[in-house]
């Protein structure tokens, strides 16, 4: 039998997929790259491989909306090989990678090269986000049609601001004409200039330059106004504030095609966690007040915030072992997305199936994928995990080349046992 028609049976696992109202111990049948049946075996079924998932949960493979893979150009921080392994070790079967590489993903050839490299490694599925402006410079629009043909699924300027509102307006007009989604990090460059932490009492006490919440709300207000004018579909990345959530909620109520995500660290941490200038807690956007964190949590539960992402940002030790203000923002997150999302669910009293939906079915929908669910005919991209297992986050246990995380030397609950992509086992603990 050819490898691509292998029949796999997963028994005794608790299948969880809120999109299909599935939460019970059932068998799952896979033929080739797709799910063949749920519950009852297909007629004449004979498995080539049986996986016993007793005591474990089986959910759709995680889909991460923001994972920096650092290639091309920053291989000293991470490589495709290391981050693809980190992804499948974390149960992540598909990810979107921003274009802030070196060189920037603003040319079709670079996108094709990245897709080819990722395809050769053959682990998680990689969906590149194309640069909205050339070199992320915020001035000249890229050739979005050519970049889409090369494999880009949406367009963004990553964390680089588009200061000129006319350029942003034209970019949104162009994208709307072709039906492309624009992903924007809502931060006003002038209000955020020079800031390194949330503009609040912690920053004042530590003497750190602040980034006010208005940097986010002014940007969101501008984006919403331009959406009304252009009809563009916009996805806001990494919301960080209560007022930001309120603006999104109002825009959605108005019927605007606006979606958004939040980084998992912003649901669990606040500016109080910075402590004595711990650079592992430096993020972009910054960790905000406990009130903002709690409002983000409510926004995820009520559906205002569509998805949770890892905002995976591996950096080398030299970029973190410096004073807080000089440290590169961000944390490694691919391997912690599952346990941290489940931790958030427990803290916020959210049901596990609902929480998992925010890192499976919802991001799949945002990317226009037919995955993120457990249903006959769907891709057999799956994560099998032990929700009761503990593991320590150490430089040795992390597969990512980036060891920068606020959870270093802390214990995590929920460990991935096995990851399948397209019906192939790509990771076993």
Protein backbone atom coordinates (compact mmCIF):
# COMPACT_ATOMS: atom_id res chain seq x y z
CA UNK A 1 0.00 0.00 0.00
CA UNK A 2 1.36 3.46 -0.85
CA UNK A 3 2.38 5.61 2.10
CA UNK A 4 -0.20 8.27 1.34
CA UNK A 5 -3.10 5.79 1.75
CA UNK A 6 -2.04 4.44 5.13
CA UNK A 7 -4.99 3.70 7.42
CA UNK A 8 -4.58 4.87 11.02
CA UNK A 9 -6.97 4.28 13.88
CA UNK A 10 -6.81 6.40 17.05
CA UNK A 11 -8.61 4.70 19.93
CA UNK A 12 -9.74 5.63 23.46
CA UNK A 13 -8.93 9.33 23.19
CA UNK A 14 -11.23 12.18 24.27
CA UNK A 15 -12.00 13.88 20.94
CA UNK A 16 -12.51 17.63 21.35
CA UNK A 17 -13.78 19.93 18.61
CA UNK A 18 -16.21 22.65 19.66
CA UNK A 19 -16.87 23.58 16.02
CA UNK A 20 -18.56 20.19 15.56
CA UNK A 21 -19.90 20.00 19.15
CA UNK A 22 -17.62 17.04 19.76
CA UNK A 23 -16.37 16.23 23.26
CA UNK A 24 -16.36 12.53 24.06
CA UNK A 25 -14.23 9.40 24.05
CA UNK A 26 -14.52 8.00 20.52
CA UNK A 27 -12.40 6.35 17.88
CA UNK A 28 -11.01 8.33 14.96
CA UNK A 29 -10.23 6.83 11.56
CA UNK A 30 -7.71 8.29 9.12
CA UNK A 31 -7.13 7.21 5.55
CA UNK A 32 -4.27 8.83 3.70
CA UNK A 33 -4.16 12.56 4.40
CA UNK A 34 -7.74 12.93 5.61
CA UNK A 35 -10.10 11.92 8.38
CA UNK A 36 -12.23 9.03 7.10
CA UNK A 37 -14.69 8.68 9.98
CA UNK A 38 -15.43 9.68 13.57
CA UNK A 39 -16.95 7.20 16.03
CA UNK A 40 -17.82 4.22 13.82
CA UNK A 41 -15.32 2.54 11.50
CA UNK A 42 -15.90 2.76 7.74
CA UNK A 43 -17.25 -0.42 6.10
CA UNK A 44 -14.56 -3.09 5.69
CA UNK A 45 -12.06 -1.07 7.76
CA UNK A 46 -8.65 -2.60 8.45
CA UNK A 47 -6.07 -0.37 10.11
CA UNK A 48 -2.38 -0.38 9.18
CA UNK A 49 -1.52 1.38 12.45
CA UNK A 50 -3.43 1.70 15.73
CA UNK A 51 -2.66 4.53 18.17
CA UNK A 52 -3.88 4.11 21.75
CA UNK A 53 -4.83 7.54 23.13
CA UNK A 54 -6.15 6.29 26.48
CA UNK A 55 -6.26 9.07 29.08
CA UNK A 56 -5.40 11.67 26.47
CA UNK A 57 -7.19 14.39 24.56
CA UNK A 58 -7.28 14.50 20.76
CA UNK A 59 -7.93 17.89 19.19
CA UNK A 60 -7.38 19.45 15.77
CA UNK A 61 -3.77 20.48 15.21
CA UNK A 62 -3.07 23.94 16.58
CA UNK A 63 -2.95 26.82 14.08
CA UNK A 64 -0.70 29.71 15.10
CA UNK A 65 -1.39 33.10 13.54
CA UNK A 66 2.03 34.54 14.33
CA UNK A 67 5.27 32.55 14.40
CA UNK A 68 8.55 34.13 13.37
CA UNK A 69 10.74 31.47 11.79
CA UNK A 70 13.72 33.86 11.38
CA UNK A 71 14.59 32.66 7.89
CA UNK A 72 15.86 34.15 5.72
CA UNK A 73 18.48 36.32 7.39
CA UNK A 74 18.40 35.78 11.17
CA UNK A 75 19.61 32.19 11.48
CA UNK A 76 21.60 33.18 14.60
CA UNK A 77 18.21 33.55 16.33
CA UNK A 78 16.53 30.48 14.84
CA UNK A 79 16.37 28.27 11.76
CA UNK A 80 13.48 26.73 9.87
CA UNK A 81 14.61 23.30 11.09
CA UNK A 82 14.58 24.29 14.78
CA UNK A 83 11.29 26.17 14.63
CA UNK A 84 9.44 23.55 12.58
CA UNK A 85 10.44 20.99 15.21
CA UNK A 86 9.30 23.38 17.96
CA UNK A 87 5.97 23.76 16.17
CA UNK A 88 5.14 20.05 15.93
CA UNK A 89 6.47 19.45 19.46
CA UNK A 90 3.89 22.01 20.55
CA UNK A 91 1.09 20.36 18.58
CA UNK A 92 1.11 23.20 16.01
CA UNK A 93 0.33 21.81 12.55
CA UNK A 94 -0.01 25.10 10.65
CA UNK A 95 1.35 28.59 11.16
CA UNK A 96 1.40 32.02 9.59
CA UNK A 97 4.80 33.68 9.46
CA UNK A 98 5.19 37.47 9.24
CA UNK A 99 7.33 39.05 6.50
CA UNK A 100 9.82 40.78 8.84
CA UNK A 101 12.73 38.61 7.73
CA UNK A 102 16.01 39.78 6.18
CA UNK A 103 15.45 40.27 3.29
CA UNK A 104 11.78 41.11 3.80
CA UNK A 105 9.17 38.87 2.15
CA UNK A 106 8.28 41.46 -0.48
CA UNK A 107 9.41 39.53 -3.59
CA UNK A 108 7.70 36.41 -5.04
CA UNK A 109 11.05 34.59 -5.31
CA UNK A 110 11.69 34.91 -1.56
CA UNK A 111 8.21 33.61 -0.73
CA UNK A 112 8.65 30.65 -3.09
CA UNK A 113 12.05 29.87 -1.54
CA UNK A 114 10.58 29.91 1.98
CA UNK A 115 7.68 27.66 0.90
CA UNK A 116 10.12 25.29 -0.80
CA UNK A 117 12.41 25.11 2.27
CA UNK A 118 9.48 24.53 4.62
CA UNK A 119 8.04 21.92 2.25
CA UNK A 120 11.34 20.04 2.21
CA UNK A 121 11.36 19.87 6.03
CA UNK A 122 7.80 18.50 5.75
CA UNK A 123 6.50 19.07 9.27
CA UNK A 124 4.06 21.90 10.05
CA UNK A 125 2.30 23.70 7.19
CA UNK A 126 3.69 27.21 6.61
CA UNK A 127 1.57 30.12 5.34
CA UNK A 128 3.64 33.24 4.59
CA UNK A 129 2.23 36.72 5.12
CA UNK A 130 3.43 39.05 2.39
CA UNK A 131 4.86 42.50 3.03
CA UNK A 132 2.28 45.26 2.52
CA UNK A 133 4.94 47.80 1.56
CA UNK A 134 8.36 47.34 -0.05
CA UNK A 135 10.97 46.53 2.58
CA UNK A 136 8.26 47.23 5.21
CA UNK A 137 9.28 50.86 4.68
CA UNK A 138 5.71 52.13 4.72
CA UNK A 139 6.02 54.02 1.43
CA UNK A 140 5.64 51.91 -1.73
CA UNK A 141 3.03 49.16 -2.08
CA UNK A 142 4.20 45.67 -2.98
CA UNK A 143 2.94 43.64 -5.94
CA UNK A 144 0.25 41.85 -3.95
CA UNK A 145 -1.08 39.88 -6.91
CA UNK A 146 2.34 38.34 -7.64
CA UNK A 147 2.96 37.66 -3.95
CA UNK A 148 -0.41 35.90 -3.67
CA UNK A 149 0.47 33.72 -6.66
CA UNK A 150 3.76 32.87 -4.88
CA UNK A 151 1.84 31.64 -1.82
CA UNK A 152 1.07 34.62 0.48
CA UNK A 153 -2.27 34.36 2.27
CA UNK A 154 -2.58 37.98 3.48
CA UNK A 155 -0.54 41.20 3.73
CA UNK A 156 0.96 43.02 6.68
CA UNK A 157 3.63 45.50 7.62
CA UNK A 158 4.37 43.39 10.72
CA UNK A 159 5.52 45.64 13.60
CA UNK A 160 6.70 48.36 11.23
CA UNK A 161 4.36 51.36 11.21
CA UNK A 162 2.84 52.88 8.09
CA UNK A 163 3.14 56.48 9.20
CA UNK A 164 1.65 57.98 6.02
CA UNK A 165 -2.12 57.50 6.21
CA UNK A 166 -2.41 57.99 2.43
CA UNK A 167 -0.22 54.90 1.90
CA UNK A 168 -2.36 52.90 4.33
CA UNK A 169 -5.51 54.10 2.56
CA UNK A 170 -4.14 53.06 -0.85
CA UNK A 171 -2.97 49.70 0.49
CA UNK A 172 -6.43 48.98 1.88
CA UNK A 173 -8.07 50.14 -1.39
CA UNK A 174 -5.80 47.88 -3.43
CA UNK A 175 -6.39 44.90 -1.13
CA UNK A 176 -10.16 45.45 -1.19
CA UNK A 177 -10.13 45.48 -5.03
CA UNK A 178 -8.59 42.00 -5.12
CA UNK A 179 -10.27 40.63 -2.00
CA UNK A 180 -7.05 40.32 0.02
CA UNK A 181 -7.00 40.59 3.80
CA UNK A 182 -4.81 43.24 5.41
CA UNK A 183 -3.27 42.40 8.79
CA UNK A 184 -2.30 45.43 10.84
CA UNK A 185 -0.54 45.90 14.17
CA UNK A 186 -2.50 48.82 15.66
CA UNK A 187 0.04 51.22 17.06
CA UNK A 188 0.41 54.93 16.30
CA UNK A 189 4.10 55.47 15.56
CA UNK A 190 4.20 58.98 17.03
CA UNK A 191 2.46 58.14 20.31
CA UNK A 192 4.59 54.98 20.73
CA UNK A 193 7.89 56.61 19.75
CA UNK A 194 10.65 55.92 22.27
CA UNK A 195 8.34 53.94 24.56
CA UNK A 196 9.30 50.55 25.95
CA UNK A 197 6.64 49.68 28.55
CA UNK A 198 2.96 50.35 29.28
CA UNK A 199 2.44 53.97 30.29
CA UNK A 200 1.33 53.33 33.85
CA UNK A 201 2.51 53.29 37.46
CA UNK A 202 5.02 50.46 36.92
CA UNK A 203 6.80 52.33 34.11
CA UNK A 204 6.79 55.50 36.22
CA UNK A 205 8.27 53.71 39.23
CA UNK A 206 10.95 52.01 37.12
CA UNK A 207 11.70 55.14 35.12
CA UNK A 208 10.82 53.49 31.80
CA UNK A 209 9.47 55.49 28.86
CA UNK A 210 5.80 54.67 28.42
CA UNK A 211 3.61 53.67 25.48
CA UNK A 212 0.08 54.95 26.18
CA UNK A 213 -3.06 52.93 25.41
CA UNK A 214 -3.98 55.78 23.06
CA UNK A 215 -1.19 54.57 20.73
CA UNK A 216 -3.42 51.53 20.13
CA UNK A 217 -6.81 53.22 20.13
CA UNK A 218 -5.82 56.07 17.77
CA UNK A 219 -4.46 53.47 15.31
CA UNK A 220 -7.61 51.31 15.56
CA UNK A 221 -9.86 54.35 15.07
CA UNK A 222 -7.91 55.32 11.94
CA UNK A 223 -8.06 51.77 10.56
CA UNK A 224 -11.82 51.52 11.19
CA UNK A 225 -12.42 54.86 9.45
CA UNK A 226 -10.42 53.71 6.42
CA UNK A 227 -12.28 50.38 6.41
CA UNK A 228 -15.55 52.26 6.01
CA UNK A 229 -14.08 54.18 3.08
CA UNK A 230 -12.39 51.27 1.28
CA UNK A 231 -14.41 48.18 2.21
CA UNK A 232 -11.16 46.38 3.08
CA UNK A 233 -11.09 43.23 5.22
CA UNK A 234 -8.77 43.86 8.16
CA UNK A 235 -7.31 41.61 10.84
CA UNK A 236 -5.82 43.40 13.85
CA UNK A 237 -2.85 41.59 15.35
CA UNK A 238 -1.98 41.41 19.05
CA UNK A 239 -4.58 43.59 20.74
CA UNK A 240 -3.34 44.76 24.13
CA UNK A 241 -5.89 47.05 25.82
CA UNK A 242 -9.41 47.26 27.23
CA UNK A 243 -10.22 50.31 25.10
CA UNK A 244 -8.90 48.51 22.02
CA UNK A 245 -11.30 45.62 22.68
CA UNK A 246 -14.20 48.07 23.06
CA UNK A 247 -13.42 49.71 19.69
CA UNK A 248 -13.29 46.30 17.97
CA UNK A 249 -16.54 45.24 19.63
CA UNK A 250 -18.29 48.38 18.32
CA UNK A 251 -16.86 47.95 14.80
CA UNK A 252 -18.05 44.34 14.67
CA UNK A 253 -21.51 45.39 15.88
CA UNK A 254 -21.53 47.87 12.99
CA UNK A 255 -20.95 44.96 10.62
CA UNK A 256 -17.43 45.85 9.49
CA UNK A 257 -15.31 42.89 8.28
CA UNK A 258 -12.88 43.24 11.20
CA UNK A 259 -11.21 40.37 13.06
CA UNK A 260 -8.43 40.33 15.65
CA UNK A 261 -6.15 38.17 17.76
CA UNK A 262 -4.30 38.43 21.06
CA UNK A 263 -0.92 37.03 22.08
CA UNK A 264 -1.23 34.37 24.78
CA UNK A 265 1.20 36.22 27.07
CA UNK A 266 -1.12 39.26 27.12
CA UNK A 267 -3.90 37.06 28.53
CA UNK A 268 -1.76 35.82 31.42
CA UNK A 269 0.72 38.57 32.25
CA UNK A 270 0.60 42.30 33.00
CA UNK A 271 3.07 45.15 33.49
CA UNK A 272 3.24 44.15 37.18
CA UNK A 273 5.25 41.11 36.08
CA UNK A 274 8.18 43.17 34.78
CA UNK A 275 9.52 43.13 38.37
CA UNK A 276 13.05 44.50 38.48
CA UNK A 277 13.55 45.18 34.79
CA UNK A 278 13.28 41.51 33.71
CA UNK A 279 13.86 41.72 29.95
CA UNK A 280 12.07 38.38 29.38
CA UNK A 281 8.88 40.35 30.04
CA UNK A 282 9.52 42.93 27.34
CA UNK A 283 6.92 42.58 24.59
CA UNK A 284 5.64 44.54 21.60
CA UNK A 285 2.96 45.72 22.22
CA UNK A 286 3.91 46.02 25.89
CA UNK A 287 2.26 44.07 28.69
CA UNK A 288 -0.43 46.41 29.98
CA UNK A 289 -2.33 46.81 33.26
CA UNK A 290 -4.12 43.96 35.04
CA UNK A 291 -7.40 45.67 34.04
CA UNK A 292 -6.40 45.53 30.36
CA UNK A 293 -5.38 41.87 30.70
CA UNK A 294 -8.75 40.98 32.24
CA UNK A 295 -10.63 42.89 29.51
CA UNK A 296 -8.69 40.97 26.84
CA UNK A 297 -9.73 37.75 28.57
CA UNK A 298 -13.39 38.76 28.51
CA UNK A 299 -12.99 39.72 24.85
CA UNK A 300 -11.77 36.21 23.99
CA UNK A 301 -14.65 34.59 25.87
CA UNK A 302 -17.38 36.76 24.31
CA UNK A 303 -15.95 36.36 20.80
CA UNK A 304 -14.82 39.95 20.25
CA UNK A 305 -11.28 38.57 19.97
CA UNK A 306 -11.32 35.81 17.35
CA UNK A 307 -8.12 33.91 18.09
CA UNK A 308 -5.15 33.43 20.39
CA UNK A 309 -1.63 33.22 18.94
CA UNK A 310 1.80 32.49 20.38
CA UNK A 311 3.42 35.61 18.87
CA UNK A 312 6.48 33.34 18.68
CA UNK A 313 9.61 35.49 18.64
CA UNK A 314 12.84 33.55 19.18
CA UNK A 315 15.84 35.75 19.95
CA UNK A 316 19.38 34.92 20.95
CA UNK A 317 20.68 35.37 24.50
CA UNK A 318 22.69 38.45 23.56
CA UNK A 319 19.46 40.27 22.63
CA UNK A 320 17.89 39.60 26.04
CA UNK A 321 20.86 39.73 28.41
CA UNK A 322 20.91 43.53 28.27
CA UNK A 323 19.07 46.33 30.14
CA UNK A 324 15.27 46.20 29.75
CA UNK A 325 15.12 49.19 27.41
CA UNK A 326 17.73 47.72 25.05
CA UNK A 327 16.33 44.17 24.97
CA UNK A 328 14.64 42.86 21.85
CA UNK A 329 10.91 42.42 22.57
CA UNK A 330 9.13 39.08 22.39
CA UNK A 331 9.21 35.51 23.64
CA UNK A 332 9.47 32.05 22.20
CA UNK A 333 5.98 30.54 22.27
CA UNK A 334 5.24 27.71 19.83
CA UNK A 335 5.81 24.98 22.43
CA UNK A 336 3.85 26.81 25.16
CA UNK A 337 0.76 27.81 23.16
CA UNK A 338 -1.23 24.73 24.21
CA UNK A 339 -0.39 24.61 27.94
CA UNK A 340 -0.66 28.39 28.34
CA UNK A 341 -4.03 28.48 26.55
CA UNK A 342 -5.29 25.74 28.87
CA UNK A 343 -3.87 27.64 31.86
CA UNK A 344 -5.72 30.75 30.69
CA UNK A 345 -8.92 28.70 30.31
CA UNK A 346 -8.61 27.42 33.88
CA UNK A 347 -7.90 30.92 35.25
CA UNK A 348 -10.73 32.52 33.24
CA UNK A 349 -13.21 29.68 33.89
CA UNK A 350 -13.52 29.06 30.15
CA UNK A 351 -14.46 25.59 28.88
CA UNK A 352 -11.56 23.62 27.36
CA UNK A 353 -13.34 23.04 23.99
CA UNK A 354 -14.04 26.79 23.67
CA UNK A 355 -10.43 27.66 24.51
CA UNK A 356 -9.07 25.13 22.01
CA UNK A 357 -11.30 26.58 19.30
CA UNK A 358 -9.36 29.86 19.62
CA UNK A 359 -6.16 28.08 18.56
CA UNK A 360 -7.69 25.67 16.01
CA UNK A 361 -10.97 26.31 14.15
CA UNK A 362 -11.02 30.10 14.50
CA UNK A 363 -7.50 30.76 13.17
CA UNK A 364 -8.18 28.23 10.38
CA UNK A 365 -11.17 30.31 9.33
CA UNK A 366 -9.11 33.52 9.43
CA UNK A 367 -6.51 31.91 7.14
CA UNK A 368 -9.18 30.52 4.83
CA UNK A 369 -8.23 26.89 5.58
CA UNK A 370 -10.54 23.88 5.74
CA UNK A 371 -8.64 22.48 8.74
CA UNK A 372 -8.90 23.11 12.49
CA UNK A 373 -11.75 20.63 12.90
CA UNK A 374 -12.31 16.90 13.43
CA UNK A 375 -14.73 15.82 10.71
CA UNK A 376 -14.82 13.31 7.84
CA UNK A 377 -13.01 14.74 4.83
CA UNK A 378 -10.99 17.25 6.85
CA UNK A 379 -7.18 17.14 6.78
CA UNK A 380 -5.83 14.69 9.36
CA UNK A 381 -3.90 17.41 11.21
CA UNK A 382 -4.16 16.39 14.86
CA UNK A 383 -2.68 16.97 18.29
CA UNK A 384 -2.79 14.25 20.95
CA UNK A 385 -1.93 15.53 24.42
CA UNK A 386 -2.00 14.59 28.09
CA UNK A 387 -3.75 17.44 29.91
CA UNK A 388 -2.53 16.18 33.30
CA UNK A 389 1.16 15.76 32.46
CA UNK A 390 3.65 18.29 33.81
CA UNK A 391 6.92 19.33 32.20
CA UNK A 392 9.58 21.87 33.04
CA UNK A 393 10.43 24.70 30.64
CA UNK A 394 14.22 24.65 30.37
CA UNK A 395 16.73 25.47 27.62
CA UNK A 396 17.12 21.70 27.23
CA UNK A 397 13.41 20.85 26.88
CA UNK A 398 12.68 23.64 24.36
CA UNK A 399 13.21 22.62 20.74
CA UNK A 400 13.10 26.21 19.58
CA UNK A 401 16.50 27.83 19.16
CA UNK A 402 15.07 30.76 21.15
CA UNK A 403 15.15 30.08 24.88
CA UNK A 404 13.66 33.49 25.73
CA UNK A 405 10.44 33.06 27.70
CA UNK A 406 9.05 34.47 30.96
CA UNK A 407 8.19 30.87 31.83
CA UNK A 408 11.79 29.67 31.84
CA UNK A 409 12.37 27.17 34.67
CA UNK A 410 8.64 27.08 35.41
CA UNK A 411 6.38 24.05 35.24
CA UNK A 412 3.77 23.63 32.50
CA UNK A 413 0.70 21.41 32.66
CA UNK A 414 -0.39 19.67 29.41
CA UNK A 415 2.14 17.90 27.27
CA UNK A 416 1.88 16.98 23.61
CA UNK A 417 2.29 13.22 23.08
CA UNK A 418 1.93 13.07 19.31
CA UNK A 419 1.34 15.37 16.34
CA UNK A 420 -0.01 14.32 12.95
CA UNK A 421 0.08 16.42 9.78
CA UNK A 422 -1.79 15.13 6.72
CA UNK A 423 -2.18 11.71 8.33
CA UNK A 424 1.56 11.36 9.05
CA UNK A 425 3.00 11.17 12.54
CA UNK A 426 5.51 14.05 12.55
CA UNK A 427 6.22 14.15 16.29
CA UNK A 428 6.16 11.66 19.14
CA UNK A 429 7.20 12.64 22.67
